Amino acid sequence: MGDDNQSVAALAQLYLGNILYALELAALGLDEHNKPADAAFYRGIARKLAEARGRAAKGET
């Protein structure tokens, strides 16, 4: 990563797969600790990110 001036959006797009994976790992850990509402919260974040990426790929806003 040579450009130190990358925006948060650009970095999030670049590492979206890793972010989604980490969110799911967090949700799985919360499931194991019997915290389904917290797990659902993190899965909801992942869903919103994935949906936004899908819209961007289709050229929608």
PDB file of N, CA and C in Angstrom:
ATOM      1  N   MET A   1       0.853  -1.158   0.000  1.00  0.00           N
ATOM      2  CA  MET A   1       0.000   0.000   0.000  1.00  0.00           C
ATOM      3  C   MET A   1       0.905   1.228   0.000  1.00  0.00           C
ATOM      4  N   GLY A   2       1.165   1.784  -1.160  1.00  0.00           N
ATOM      5  CA  GLY A   2       2.091   2.876  -1.276  1.00  0.00           C
ATOM      6  C   GLY A   2       1.509   4.246  -1.015  1.00  0.00           C
ATOM      7  N   ASP A   3       0.211   4.413  -1.188  1.00  0.00           N
ATOM      8  CA  ASP A   3      -0.412   5.728  -1.039  1.00  0.00           C
ATOM      9  C   ASP A   3      -0.988   5.880   0.355  1.00  0.00           C
ATOM     10  N   ASP A   4      -0.358   6.755   1.165  1.00  0.00           N
ATOM     11  CA  ASP A   4      -0.821   6.977   2.533  1.00  0.00           C
ATOM     12  C   ASP A   4      -2.059   7.850   2.588  1.00  0.00           C
ATOM     13  N   ASN A   5      -2.496   8.395   1.477  1.00  0.00           N
ATOM     14  CA  ASN A   5      -3.630   9.310   1.452  1.00  0.00           C
ATOM     15  C   ASN A   5      -4.918   8.644   0.963  1.00  0.00           C
ATOM     16  N   GLN A   6      -4.995   7.331   0.999  1.00  0.00           N
ATOM     17  CA  GLN A   6      -6.195   6.639   0.555  1.00  0.00           C
ATOM     18  C   GLN A   6      -7.346   6.946   1.506  1.00  0.00           C
ATOM     19  N   SER A   7      -8.519   7.083   0.946  1.00  0.00           N
ATOM     20  CA  SER A   7      -9.693   7.372   1.761  1.00  0.00           C
ATOM     21  C   SER A   7     -10.169   6.109   2.470  1.00  0.00           C
ATOM     22  N   VAL A   8     -10.971   6.302   3.492  1.00  0.00           N
ATOM     23  CA  VAL A   8     -11.565   5.175   4.204  1.00  0.00           C
ATOM     24  C   VAL A   8     -12.388   4.337   3.237  1.00  0.00           C
ATOM     25  N   ALA A   9     -13.150   4.989   2.373  1.00  0.00           N
ATOM     26  CA  ALA A   9     -13.987   4.265   1.415  1.00  0.00           C
ATOM     27  C   ALA A   9     -13.136   3.407   0.481  1.00  0.00           C
ATOM     28  N   ALA A  10     -12.030   3.949   0.010  1.00  0.00           N
ATOM     29  CA  ALA A  10     -11.169   3.191  -0.898  1.00  0.00           C
ATOM     30  C   ALA A  10     -10.561   1.988  -0.187  1.00  0.00           C
ATOM     31  N   LEU A  11     -10.135   2.177   1.054  1.00  0.00           N
ATOM     32  CA  LEU A  11      -9.561   1.066   1.805  1.00  0.00           C
ATOM     33  C   LEU A  11     -10.619   0.008   2.118  1.00  0.00           C
ATOM     34  N   ALA A  12     -11.815   0.453   2.491  1.00  0.00           N
ATOM     35  CA  ALA A  12     -12.896  -0.491   2.779  1.00  0.00           C
ATOM     36  C   ALA A  12     -13.245  -1.302   1.545  1.00  0.00           C
ATOM     37  N   GLN A  13     -13.271  -0.654   0.395  1.00  0.00           N
ATOM     38  CA  GLN A  13     -13.562  -1.372  -0.849  1.00  0.00           C
ATOM     39  C   GLN A  13     -12.466  -2.381  -1.154  1.00  0.00           C
ATOM     40  N   LEU A  14     -11.225  -1.971  -0.959  1.00  0.00           N
ATOM     41  CA  LEU A  14     -10.094  -2.844  -1.243  1.00  0.00           C
ATOM     42  C   LEU A  14     -10.108  -4.097  -0.359  1.00  0.00           C
ATOM     43  N   TYR A  15     -10.454  -3.905   0.917  1.00  0.00           N
ATOM     44  CA  TYR A  15     -10.400  -5.001   1.880  1.00  0.00           C
ATOM     45  C   TYR A  15     -11.779  -5.509   2.294  1.00  0.00           C
ATOM     46  N   LEU A  16     -12.792  -5.297   1.473  1.00  0.00           N
ATOM     47  CA  LEU A  16     -14.151  -5.658   1.849  1.00  0.00           C
ATOM     48  C   LEU A  16     -14.290  -7.141   2.188  1.00  0.00           C
ATOM     49  N   GLY A  17     -13.690  -7.995   1.417  1.00  0.00           N
ATOM     50  CA  GLY A  17     -13.771  -9.427   1.705  1.00  0.00           C
ATOM     51  C   GLY A  17     -13.212  -9.761   3.070  1.00  0.00           C
ATOM     52  N   ASN A  18     -12.079  -9.166   3.411  1.00  0.00           N
ATOM     53  CA  ASN A  18     -11.478  -9.390   4.724  1.00  0.00           C
ATOM     54  C   ASN A  18     -12.358  -8.835   5.842  1.00  0.00           C
ATOM     55  N   ILE A  19     -12.962  -7.687   5.605  1.00  0.00           N
ATOM     56  CA  ILE A  19     -13.846  -7.072   6.597  1.00  0.00           C
ATOM     57  C   ILE A  19     -15.067  -7.955   6.826  1.00  0.00           C
ATOM     58  N   LEU A  20     -15.665  -8.453   5.745  1.00  0.00           N
ATOM     59  CA  LEU A  20     -16.834  -9.318   5.873  1.00  0.00           C
ATOM     60  C   LEU A  20     -16.475 -10.601   6.620  1.00  0.00           C
ATOM     61  N   TYR A  21     -15.330 -11.147   6.326  1.00  0.00           N
ATOM     62  CA  TYR A  21     -14.865 -12.360   7.014  1.00  0.00           C
ATOM     63  C   TYR A  21     -14.699 -12.094   8.508  1.00  0.00           C
ATOM     64  N   ALA A  22     -14.069 -10.985   8.848  1.00  0.00           N
ATOM     65  CA  ALA A  22     -13.859 -10.639  10.258  1.00  0.00           C
ATOM     66  C   ALA A  22     -15.180 -10.409  10.976  1.00  0.00           C
ATOM     67  N   LEU A  23     -16.127  -9.781  10.312  1.00  0.00           N
ATOM     68  CA  LEU A  23     -17.439  -9.572  10.925  1.00  0.00           C
ATOM     69  C   LEU A  23     -18.128 -10.903  11.187  1.00  0.00           C
ATOM     70  N   GLU A  24     -18.015 -11.848  10.264  1.00  0.00           N
ATOM     71  CA  GLU A  24     -18.624 -13.155  10.474  1.00  0.00           C
ATOM     72  C   GLU A  24     -17.927 -13.912  11.598  1.00  0.00           C
ATOM     73  N   LEU A  25     -16.600 -13.802  11.693  1.00  0.00           N
ATOM     74  CA  LEU A  25     -15.898 -14.439  12.809  1.00  0.00           C
ATOM     75  C   LEU A  25     -16.358 -13.857  14.144  1.00  0.00           C
ATOM     76  N   ALA A  26     -16.548 -12.548  14.179  1.00  0.00           N
ATOM     77  CA  ALA A  26     -17.057 -11.910  15.401  1.00  0.00           C
ATOM     78  C   ALA A  26     -18.445 -12.440  15.729  1.00  0.00           C
ATOM     79  N   ALA A  27     -19.289 -12.549  14.716  1.00  0.00           N
ATOM     80  CA  ALA A  27     -20.645 -13.048  14.932  1.00  0.00           C
ATOM     81  C   ALA A  27     -20.625 -14.496  15.417  1.00  0.00           C
ATOM     82  N   LEU A  28     -19.770 -15.322  14.856  1.00  0.00           N
ATOM     83  CA  LEU A  28     -19.670 -16.708  15.304  1.00  0.00           C
ATOM     84  C   LEU A  28     -19.236 -16.788  16.761  1.00  0.00           C
ATOM     85  N   GLY A  29     -18.277 -15.956  17.128  1.00  0.00           N
ATOM     86  CA  GLY A  29     -17.828 -15.919  18.522  1.00  0.00           C
ATOM     87  C   GLY A  29     -18.944 -15.489  19.460  1.00  0.00           C
ATOM     88  N   LEU A  30     -19.719 -14.521  19.031  1.00  0.00           N
ATOM     89  CA  LEU A  30     -20.842 -14.069  19.853  1.00  0.00           C
ATOM     90  C   LEU A  30     -21.909 -15.154  19.955  1.00  0.00           C
ATOM     91  N   ASP A  31     -22.143 -15.879  18.866  1.00  0.00           N
ATOM     92  CA  ASP A  31     -23.065 -17.019  18.918  1.00  0.00           C
ATOM     93  C   ASP A  31     -22.601 -18.040  19.954  1.00  0.00           C
ATOM     94  N   GLU A  32     -21.302 -18.319  19.953  1.00  0.00           N
ATOM     95  CA  GLU A  32     -20.746 -19.287  20.906  1.00  0.00           C
ATOM     96  C   GLU A  32     -20.916 -18.824  22.349  1.00  0.00           C
ATOM     97  N   HIS A  33     -20.968 -17.515  22.557  1.00  0.00           N
ATOM     98  CA  HIS A  33     -21.152 -16.948  23.899  1.00  0.00           C
ATOM     99  C   HIS A  33     -22.629 -16.653  24.188  1.00  0.00           C
ATOM    100  N   ASN A  34     -23.497 -17.288  23.416  1.00  0.00           N
ATOM    101  CA  ASN A  34     -24.947 -17.151  23.606  1.00  0.00           C
ATOM    102  C   ASN A  34     -25.404 -15.693  23.588  1.00  0.00           C
ATOM    103  N   LYS A  35     -24.915 -14.965  22.613  1.00  0.00           N
ATOM    104  CA  LYS A  35     -25.309 -13.574  22.417  1.00  0.00           C
ATOM    105  C   LYS A  35     -25.845 -13.401  20.995  1.00  0.00           C
ATOM    106  N   PRO A  36     -26.990 -14.008  20.709  1.00  0.00           N
ATOM    107  CA  PRO A  36     -27.507 -13.978  19.336  1.00  0.00           C
ATOM    108  C   PRO A  36     -27.867 -12.582  18.844  1.00  0.00           C
ATOM    109  N   ALA A  37     -28.316 -11.704  19.726  1.00  0.00           N
ATOM    110  CA  ALA A  37     -28.661 -10.344  19.293  1.00  0.00           C
ATOM    111  C   ALA A  37     -27.412  -9.587  18.853  1.00  0.00           C
ATOM    112  N   ASP A  38     -26.323  -9.766  19.600  1.00  0.00           N
ATOM    113  CA  ASP A  38     -25.069  -9.116  19.221  1.00  0.00           C
ATOM    114  C   ASP A  38     -24.532  -9.689  17.914  1.00  0.00           C
ATOM    115  N   ALA A  39     -24.636 -11.010  17.756  1.00  0.00           N
ATOM    116  CA  ALA A  39     -24.190 -11.651  16.519  1.00  0.00           C
ATOM    117  C   ALA A  39     -24.997 -11.124  15.338  1.00  0.00           C
ATOM    118  N   ALA A  40     -26.299 -10.991  15.525  1.00  0.00           N
ATOM    119  CA  ALA A  40     -27.158 -10.478  14.454  1.00  0.00           C
ATOM    120  C   ALA A  40     -26.773  -9.053  14.085  1.00  0.00           C
ATOM    121  N   PHE A  41     -26.383  -8.257  15.064  1.00  0.00           N
ATOM    122  CA  PHE A  41     -25.953  -6.879  14.805  1.00  0.00           C
ATOM    123  C   PHE A  41     -24.761  -6.863  13.842  1.00  0.00           C
ATOM    124  N   TYR A  42     -23.742  -7.692  14.108  1.00  0.00           N
ATOM    125  CA  TYR A  42     -22.558  -7.717  13.251  1.00  0.00           C
ATOM    126  C   TYR A  42     -22.870  -8.310  11.879  1.00  0.00           C
ATOM    127  N   ARG A  43     -23.758  -9.283  11.832  1.00  0.00           N
ATOM    128  CA  ARG A  43     -24.165  -9.821  10.534  1.00  0.00           C
ATOM    129  C   ARG A  43     -24.958  -8.785   9.744  1.00  0.00           C
ATOM    130  N   GLY A  44     -25.702  -7.959  10.446  1.00  0.00           N
ATOM    131  CA  GLY A  44     -26.432  -6.874   9.786  1.00  0.00           C
ATOM    132  C   GLY A  44     -25.490  -5.864   9.159  1.00  0.00           C
ATOM    133  N   ILE A  45     -24.416  -5.545   9.862  1.00  0.00           N
ATOM    134  CA  ILE A  45     -23.400  -4.644   9.300  1.00  0.00           C
ATOM    135  C   ILE A  45     -22.810  -5.264   8.033  1.00  0.00           C
ATOM    136  N   ALA A  46     -22.464  -6.537   8.102  1.00  0.00           N
ATOM    137  CA  ALA A  46     -21.882  -7.223   6.944  1.00  0.00           C
ATOM    138  C   ALA A  46     -22.862  -7.228   5.784  1.00  0.00           C
ATOM    139  N   ARG A  47     -24.137  -7.467   6.069  1.00  0.00           N
ATOM    140  CA  ARG A  47     -25.154  -7.493   5.011  1.00  0.00           C
ATOM    141  C   ARG A  47     -25.247  -6.134   4.335  1.00  0.00           C
ATOM    142  N   LYS A  48     -25.257  -5.067   5.136  1.00  0.00           N
ATOM    143  CA  LYS A  48     -25.343  -3.709   4.570  1.00  0.00           C
ATOM    144  C   LYS A  48     -24.128  -3.418   3.686  1.00  0.00           C
ATOM    145  N   LEU A  49     -22.944  -3.800   4.129  1.00  0.00           N
ATOM    146  CA  LEU A  49     -21.736  -3.583   3.328  1.00  0.00           C
ATOM    147  C   LEU A  49     -21.793  -4.370   2.025  1.00  0.00           C
ATOM    148  N   ALA A  50     -22.218  -5.635   2.105  1.00  0.00           N
ATOM    149  CA  ALA A  50     -22.299  -6.469   0.903  1.00  0.00           C
ATOM    150  C   ALA A  50     -23.339  -5.928  -0.067  1.00  0.00           C
ATOM    151  N   GLU A  51     -24.473  -5.477   0.453  1.00  0.00           N
ATOM    152  CA  GLU A  51     -25.508  -4.903  -0.418  1.00  0.00           C
ATOM    153  C   GLU A  51     -25.008  -3.626  -1.088  1.00  0.00           C
ATOM    154  N   ALA A  52     -24.315  -2.787  -0.339  1.00  0.00           N
ATOM    155  CA  ALA A  52     -23.770  -1.550  -0.911  1.00  0.00           C
ATOM    156  C   ALA A  52     -22.763  -1.865  -2.009  1.00  0.00           C
ATOM    157  N   ARG A  53     -21.942  -2.893  -1.797  1.00  0.00           N
ATOM    158  CA  ARG A  53     -20.962  -3.287  -2.812  1.00  0.00           C
ATOM    159  C   ARG A  53     -21.674  -3.789  -4.067  1.00  0.00           C
ATOM    160  N   GLY A  54     -22.751  -4.537  -3.877  1.00  0.00           N
ATOM    161  CA  GLY A  54     -23.515  -5.034  -5.011  1.00  0.00           C
ATOM    162  C   GLY A  54     -24.130  -3.895  -5.815  1.00  0.00           C
ATOM    163  N   ARG A  55     -24.672  -2.906  -5.114  1.00  0.00           N
ATOM    164  CA  ARG A  55     -25.242  -1.752  -5.812  1.00  0.00           C
ATOM    165  C   ARG A  55     -24.165  -0.984  -6.558  1.00  0.00           C
ATOM    166  N   ALA A  56     -23.005  -0.828  -5.942  1.00  0.00           N
ATOM    167  CA  ALA A  56     -21.908  -0.110  -6.596  1.00  0.00           C
ATOM    168  C   ALA A  56     -21.444  -0.848  -7.849  1.00  0.00           C
ATOM    169  N   ALA A  57     -21.409  -2.167  -7.770  1.00  0.00           N
ATOM    170  CA  ALA A  57     -20.974  -2.962  -8.915  1.00  0.00           C
ATOM    171  C   ALA A  57     -21.946  -2.845 -10.082  1.00  0.00           C
ATOM    172  N   LYS A  58     -23.229  -2.636  -9.762  1.00  0.00           N
ATOM    173  CA  LYS A  58     -24.255  -2.482 -10.787  1.00  0.00           C
ATOM    174  C   LYS A  58     -24.375  -1.037 -11.267  1.00  0.00           C
ATOM    175  N   GLY A  59     -23.630  -0.128 -10.646  1.00  0.00           N
ATOM    176  CA  GLY A  59     -23.681   1.272 -11.026  1.00  0.00           C
ATOM    177  C   GLY A  59     -24.851   2.021 -10.407  1.00  0.00           C
ATOM    178  N   GLU A  60     -25.465   1.419  -9.404  1.00  0.00           N
ATOM    179  CA  GLU A  60     -26.575   2.081  -8.704  1.00  0.00           C
ATOM    180  C   GLU A  60     -26.017   2.919  -7.561  1.00  0.00           C
ATOM    181  N   THR A  61     -26.849   3.785  -7.037  1.00  0.00           N
ATOM    182  CA  THR A  61     -26.424   4.581  -5.885  1.00  0.00           C
ATOM    183  C   THR A  61     -27.180   4.218  -4.647  1.00  0.00           C
TER     184      THR A  61
END
